[in-house]
């Protein structure tokens, strides 16, 4: 009788081992995200089946980031590399070459309808390229993630990339993506409701650099900025003076600093226009954990709450 019980227990172990060990000891998919917003998308889709390394972390500026040796090591070991594309990551090509990575590099803006940068910034961008700067956007605005509708496209592209790299986990990736997309839809409803409560005559605001073009296009606010698409080039005194004139003509309602840029210029504009700095907006990076914008959804909620509060005083 004892032998029979032992044999049954042994057969149970043998039967369960392939499934149990596969689940417990399977290697997670090694993912590299180019910056913190993409990291958050990846974690929401990948869950515990992935291990994410992020190149440009919270409060970091991908426009001016210089890669480190550790970044090349991480990329060389990656299965999937997730990037924004549209020339957002000026460091990307150098890092890909330095790492000699064999990973699939996925541009998450695939399927997004890109918008052009504002005309007043095109000449400045062309000048940067002529001066030999490595980071040049052409005439396209790369900040597509500032539209929640586009964020859903990023999430779809991530799920497809993970399914291609890890077919066994495809069901989980798709379920996670669907659940997260629903949360994004709810957040978008909150953003639209908040903007609808702001009188149209008060929907012009100022930020540090031109990072909110897709937000403007999607939701109906007007953003003015002294700096263009990239934070690399300092605006001239004439540029700042022209912006101040425009602010007075357009009767901007509020001015905001960004988490990735120096506050000095915005404080100067606020001083010369009589506008009060209404708070910090998160543009190209999330905040650190525990901050007001440590996830993408928190970032969008924080930004619209900050904008609405500064304009309406509530």
Protein backbone atom coordinates (compact mmCIF):
# COMPACT_ATOMS: atom_id res chain seq x y z
CA UNK A 1 0.00 0.00 0.00
CA UNK A 2 2.83 2.35 0.93
CA UNK A 3 4.59 1.62 -2.38
CA UNK A 4 1.40 2.42 -4.29
CA UNK A 5 1.06 5.82 -2.58
CA UNK A 6 4.73 6.65 -3.23
CA UNK A 7 4.39 5.64 -6.88
CA UNK A 8 1.29 7.77 -7.28
CA UNK A 9 3.06 10.75 -5.70
CA UNK A 10 6.08 10.26 -7.98
CA UNK A 11 3.86 10.06 -11.07
CA UNK A 12 2.12 13.25 -9.92
CA UNK A 13 5.48 15.05 -9.71
CA UNK A 14 6.53 13.77 -13.12
CA UNK A 15 3.20 14.80 -14.66
CA UNK A 16 3.20 18.28 -13.17
CA UNK A 17 6.89 19.09 -13.57
CA UNK A 18 6.90 20.27 -17.22
CA UNK A 19 4.10 22.75 -16.55
CA UNK A 20 5.08 23.86 -13.07
CA UNK A 21 8.76 24.39 -13.87
CA UNK A 22 7.98 26.09 -17.16
CA UNK A 23 5.84 28.59 -15.30
CA UNK A 24 8.17 29.05 -12.33
CA UNK A 25 11.51 29.16 -14.10
CA UNK A 26 10.77 30.48 -17.61
CA UNK A 27 13.08 33.34 -18.53
CA UNK A 28 11.21 36.64 -18.73
CA UNK A 29 11.25 38.46 -22.05
CA UNK A 30 14.08 40.99 -21.91
CA UNK A 31 12.74 44.36 -23.00
CA UNK A 32 14.52 47.69 -23.39
CA UNK A 33 12.35 50.83 -23.38
CA UNK A 34 13.86 54.04 -24.70
CA UNK A 35 12.21 56.30 -22.10
CA UNK A 36 9.89 56.22 -19.10
CA UNK A 37 6.52 56.61 -20.85
CA UNK A 38 7.25 53.57 -23.00
CA UNK A 39 8.43 51.66 -19.94
CA UNK A 40 5.03 52.19 -18.33
CA UNK A 41 3.20 51.01 -21.46
CA UNK A 42 5.43 47.93 -21.62
CA UNK A 43 4.81 46.99 -17.98
CA UNK A 44 1.05 47.29 -18.42
CA UNK A 45 1.12 44.97 -21.41
CA UNK A 46 3.87 42.59 -20.34
CA UNK A 47 3.10 42.13 -16.66
CA UNK A 48 5.32 39.60 -14.94
CA UNK A 49 6.33 37.92 -18.22
CA UNK A 50 8.80 40.68 -19.04
CA UNK A 51 11.86 42.33 -17.52
CA UNK A 52 12.24 45.99 -18.54
CA UNK A 53 15.35 48.16 -18.67
CA UNK A 54 14.78 51.84 -19.42
CA UNK A 55 17.38 54.04 -21.11
CA UNK A 56 16.06 57.52 -20.20
CA UNK A 57 14.44 57.36 -16.78
CA UNK A 58 11.97 59.53 -14.86
CA UNK A 59 12.41 63.29 -15.28
CA UNK A 60 15.01 62.57 -17.99
CA UNK A 61 15.24 64.42 -21.29
CA UNK A 62 15.55 62.05 -24.26
CA UNK A 63 16.31 65.00 -26.57
CA UNK A 64 19.75 65.56 -25.03
CA UNK A 65 20.49 62.19 -23.42
CA UNK A 66 23.97 60.73 -23.88
CA UNK A 67 24.03 56.90 -23.75
CA UNK A 68 26.15 55.11 -21.13
CA UNK A 69 28.07 51.84 -21.49
CA UNK A 70 25.41 50.11 -19.37
CA UNK A 71 22.78 51.10 -21.92
CA UNK A 72 24.69 49.34 -24.69
CA UNK A 73 25.05 46.23 -22.52
CA UNK A 74 21.31 46.16 -21.79
CA UNK A 75 20.46 46.61 -25.45
CA UNK A 76 22.87 43.87 -26.50
CA UNK A 77 21.02 41.39 -24.24
CA UNK A 78 17.49 42.49 -25.19
CA UNK A 79 14.90 40.41 -27.00
CA UNK A 80 12.78 43.44 -27.88
CA UNK A 81 13.67 47.14 -27.97
CA UNK A 82 10.73 49.57 -27.81
CA UNK A 83 11.28 53.10 -29.14
CA UNK A 84 9.07 56.04 -30.00
CA UNK A 85 10.44 56.67 -33.49
CA UNK A 86 9.87 59.86 -35.51
CA UNK A 87 13.43 60.86 -34.51
CA UNK A 88 12.41 61.40 -30.87
CA UNK A 89 15.44 59.53 -29.53
CA UNK A 90 18.44 61.37 -30.95
CA UNK A 91 20.81 58.87 -29.35
CA UNK A 92 19.17 55.75 -30.80
CA UNK A 93 21.24 55.00 -33.89
CA UNK A 94 24.54 55.43 -32.02
CA UNK A 95 23.34 53.11 -29.27
CA UNK A 96 22.12 50.44 -31.67
CA UNK A 97 25.50 50.45 -33.42
CA UNK A 98 27.50 50.43 -30.16
CA UNK A 99 25.49 47.54 -28.74
CA UNK A 100 25.44 45.43 -31.93
CA UNK A 101 22.05 44.24 -30.69
CA UNK A 102 20.21 41.47 -32.50
CA UNK A 103 16.93 42.46 -30.83
CA UNK A 104 13.82 43.44 -32.75
CA UNK A 105 13.57 47.25 -32.65
CA UNK A 106 9.93 48.32 -32.63
CA UNK A 107 8.90 51.88 -33.50
CA UNK A 108 5.71 52.40 -31.55
CA UNK A 109 4.49 55.30 -33.69
CA UNK A 110 3.81 52.87 -36.54
CA UNK A 111 0.18 53.51 -37.50
CA UNK A 112 0.10 56.98 -35.92
CA UNK A 113 -0.82 59.87 -38.18
CA UNK A 114 2.09 62.28 -37.56
CA UNK A 115 1.60 66.01 -37.40
CA UNK A 116 4.04 68.66 -38.55
CA UNK A 117 5.88 70.89 -36.14
CA UNK A 118 4.68 74.46 -36.01
CA UNK A 119 6.07 76.67 -38.78
CA UNK A 120 7.83 79.05 -36.39
CA UNK A 121 10.10 76.22 -35.24
CA UNK A 122 11.00 74.67 -38.62
CA UNK A 123 13.82 77.11 -39.40
CA UNK A 124 15.37 76.60 -35.97
CA UNK A 125 15.40 72.82 -36.45
CA UNK A 126 17.01 73.18 -39.87
CA UNK A 127 19.66 75.39 -38.31
CA UNK A 128 20.49 72.76 -35.72
CA UNK A 129 21.03 70.16 -38.42
CA UNK A 130 23.30 72.48 -40.38
CA UNK A 131 25.35 73.08 -37.26
CA UNK A 132 26.05 69.38 -36.98
CA UNK A 133 23.73 68.42 -34.12
CA UNK A 134 22.87 64.74 -34.21
CA UNK A 135 19.29 65.25 -33.13
CA UNK A 136 17.07 66.45 -35.97
CA UNK A 137 13.34 65.87 -36.35
CA UNK A 138 12.79 67.04 -39.91
CA UNK A 139 9.41 68.76 -39.92
CA UNK A 140 7.60 66.10 -37.88
CA UNK A 141 6.50 66.40 -34.27
CA UNK A 142 7.55 63.17 -32.50
CA UNK A 143 5.53 63.66 -29.27
CA UNK A 144 2.65 61.45 -30.46
CA UNK A 145 2.14 59.92 -27.01
CA UNK A 146 0.62 63.21 -25.80
CA UNK A 147 -2.61 62.05 -27.47
CA UNK A 148 -4.31 59.20 -25.60
CA UNK A 149 -5.74 57.93 -28.88
CA UNK A 150 -2.15 57.50 -30.06
CA UNK A 151 -1.16 55.88 -26.76
CA UNK A 152 -3.63 53.12 -27.61
CA UNK A 153 -1.75 52.55 -30.88
CA UNK A 154 1.52 52.29 -28.93
CA UNK A 155 -0.08 49.66 -26.67
CA UNK A 156 -1.37 47.66 -29.65
CA UNK A 157 2.09 47.71 -31.23
CA UNK A 158 3.69 46.56 -27.97
CA UNK A 159 1.27 43.64 -27.63
CA UNK A 160 2.01 42.56 -31.21
CA UNK A 161 5.78 42.80 -30.61
CA UNK A 162 5.57 40.74 -27.41
CA UNK A 163 3.38 38.12 -29.12
CA UNK A 164 5.94 37.80 -31.91
CA UNK A 165 8.78 37.34 -29.42
CA UNK A 166 6.90 35.12 -26.93
CA UNK A 167 4.05 33.23 -28.59
CA UNK A 168 3.28 31.30 -25.39
CA UNK A 169 2.39 34.52 -23.62
CA UNK A 170 0.35 36.06 -26.43
CA UNK A 171 -3.01 35.50 -24.75
CA UNK A 172 -1.82 37.24 -21.60
CA UNK A 173 -0.32 40.15 -23.54
CA UNK A 174 -3.54 40.72 -25.50
CA UNK A 175 -5.70 40.51 -22.37
CA UNK A 176 -3.43 42.98 -20.55
CA UNK A 177 -3.46 45.34 -23.54
CA UNK A 178 -7.26 45.22 -23.74
CA UNK A 179 -7.65 45.96 -20.02
CA UNK A 180 -5.16 48.82 -20.13
CA UNK A 181 -6.74 50.26 -23.29
CA UNK A 182 -10.04 50.43 -21.43
CA UNK A 183 -8.34 52.44 -18.67
CA UNK A 184 -6.90 54.78 -21.30
CA UNK A 185 -10.36 55.29 -22.78
CA UNK A 186 -11.72 56.24 -19.34
CA UNK A 187 -8.82 58.66 -18.81
CA UNK A 188 -9.44 60.27 -22.18
CA UNK A 189 -13.04 60.89 -21.18
CA UNK A 190 -11.81 62.68 -18.05
CA UNK A 191 -9.44 64.86 -20.09
CA UNK A 192 -12.16 65.84 -22.57
CA UNK A 193 -14.61 66.64 -19.77
CA UNK A 194 -12.04 68.85 -18.02
CA UNK A 195 -11.30 70.81 -21.20
CA UNK A 196 -15.01 71.21 -21.93
CA UNK A 197 -15.32 72.99 -18.57
CA UNK A 198 -12.73 75.62 -19.62
CA UNK A 199 -14.19 78.57 -21.60
CA UNK A 200 -12.84 78.63 -25.16
CA UNK A 201 -11.47 82.15 -24.63
CA UNK A 202 -9.20 80.81 -21.88
CA UNK A 203 -7.71 77.82 -23.69
CA UNK A 204 -4.34 79.36 -24.65
CA UNK A 205 -1.41 78.51 -22.38
CA UNK A 206 2.41 78.61 -22.41
CA UNK A 207 4.88 75.76 -21.83
CA UNK A 208 8.66 75.50 -22.04
CA UNK A 209 9.04 73.61 -25.33
CA UNK A 210 6.70 72.55 -28.10
CA UNK A 211 5.86 69.10 -26.71
CA UNK A 212 2.08 69.27 -26.67
CA UNK A 213 1.17 69.54 -30.35
CA UNK A 214 -0.75 66.25 -30.36
CA UNK A 215 -2.57 67.21 -27.16
CA UNK A 216 -3.51 70.51 -28.80
CA UNK A 217 -4.63 68.79 -32.00
CA UNK A 218 -6.70 66.18 -30.14
CA UNK A 219 -8.27 68.14 -27.31
CA UNK A 220 -8.52 71.79 -28.35
CA UNK A 221 -6.09 73.68 -26.13
CA UNK A 222 -3.56 76.06 -27.73
CA UNK A 223 0.04 75.75 -26.52
CA UNK A 224 2.65 78.48 -27.07
CA UNK A 225 6.32 77.81 -26.35
CA UNK A 226 9.66 79.63 -26.61
CA UNK A 227 11.50 76.44 -27.60
CA UNK A 228 10.76 74.09 -30.49
CA UNK A 229 10.26 70.34 -30.66
CA UNK A 230 13.67 69.66 -29.11
CA UNK A 231 15.07 71.16 -25.91
CA UNK A 232 18.55 71.37 -27.45
CA UNK A 233 18.43 74.88 -28.89
CA UNK A 234 18.16 77.94 -26.67
CA UNK A 235 15.67 80.48 -28.06
CA UNK A 236 17.12 83.88 -28.97
CA UNK A 237 16.17 87.10 -27.21
CA UNK A 238 14.17 88.01 -30.33
CA UNK A 239 12.27 84.70 -30.12
CA UNK A 240 11.39 85.33 -26.49
CA UNK A 241 10.31 88.92 -27.23
CA UNK A 242 8.11 87.70 -30.08
CA UNK A 243 6.49 85.12 -27.81
CA UNK A 244 5.81 87.74 -25.15
CA UNK A 245 4.10 89.92 -27.77
CA UNK A 246 2.04 86.95 -28.92
CA UNK A 247 1.06 86.11 -25.35
CA UNK A 248 -0.26 89.63 -24.85
CA UNK A 249 -2.16 89.56 -28.14
CA UNK A 250 -3.65 86.10 -27.64
CA UNK A 251 -4.34 86.72 -23.95
CA UNK A 252 -2.81 83.49 -22.68
CA UNK A 253 -4.41 82.27 -19.46
CA UNK A 254 -1.49 80.57 -17.73
CA UNK A 255 2.18 79.63 -18.03
CA UNK A 256 3.71 76.32 -16.96
CA UNK A 257 7.16 74.86 -16.38
CA UNK A 258 8.00 71.33 -17.50
CA UNK A 259 9.66 68.60 -15.50
CA UNK A 260 12.48 68.18 -18.05
CA UNK A 261 13.41 71.82 -18.70
CA UNK A 262 15.05 74.72 -16.89
CA UNK A 263 12.49 76.99 -15.22
CA UNK A 264 14.45 80.23 -15.80
CA UNK A 265 12.97 81.08 -19.21
CA UNK A 266 9.38 80.44 -18.16
CA UNK A 267 9.86 82.51 -15.02
CA UNK A 268 11.15 85.38 -17.21
CA UNK A 269 8.09 85.16 -19.46
CA UNK A 270 5.78 85.03 -16.46
CA UNK A 271 7.44 88.10 -14.99
CA UNK A 272 7.19 90.13 -18.20
CA UNK A 273 3.58 89.17 -18.97
CA UNK A 274 2.22 89.30 -15.44
CA UNK A 275 1.11 85.68 -15.64
CA UNK A 276 1.54 83.41 -12.65
CA UNK A 277 3.38 80.10 -13.10
CA UNK A 278 0.53 77.62 -12.83
CA UNK A 279 2.56 74.54 -11.96
CA UNK A 280 4.56 71.75 -13.58
CA UNK A 281 3.46 69.79 -16.63
CA UNK A 282 5.02 66.43 -17.47
CA UNK A 283 5.94 66.35 -21.14
CA UNK A 284 8.63 63.89 -22.26
CA UNK A 285 9.11 61.91 -19.05
CA UNK A 286 7.21 60.58 -16.08
CA UNK A 287 7.97 61.54 -12.49
CA UNK A 288 9.78 59.25 -10.09
CA UNK A 289 7.69 56.70 -8.17
CA UNK A 290 5.62 58.48 -5.56
CA UNK A 291 5.48 61.66 -7.67
CA UNK A 292 2.35 63.08 -9.29
CA UNK A 293 3.01 61.50 -12.69
CA UNK A 294 4.70 58.17 -12.09
CA UNK A 295 2.48 56.43 -14.68
CA UNK A 296 1.21 57.58 -18.07
CA UNK A 297 -2.37 57.77 -16.83
CA UNK A 298 -1.27 59.75 -13.78
CA UNK A 299 0.69 62.07 -16.09
CA UNK A 300 -2.34 62.84 -18.24
CA UNK A 301 -4.56 63.35 -15.21
CA UNK A 302 -1.96 65.53 -13.48
CA UNK A 303 -1.45 67.69 -16.55
CA UNK A 304 -5.12 68.40 -17.20
CA UNK A 305 -5.85 68.93 -13.49
CA UNK A 306 -2.92 71.38 -13.27
CA UNK A 307 -4.01 73.24 -16.41
CA UNK A 308 -7.64 73.47 -15.37
CA UNK A 309 -6.73 74.55 -11.84
CA UNK A 310 -4.40 77.32 -13.05
CA UNK A 311 -6.94 78.69 -15.54
CA UNK A 312 -10.08 78.47 -13.43
CA UNK A 313 -8.46 78.89 -10.03
CA UNK A 314 -9.83 75.64 -8.69
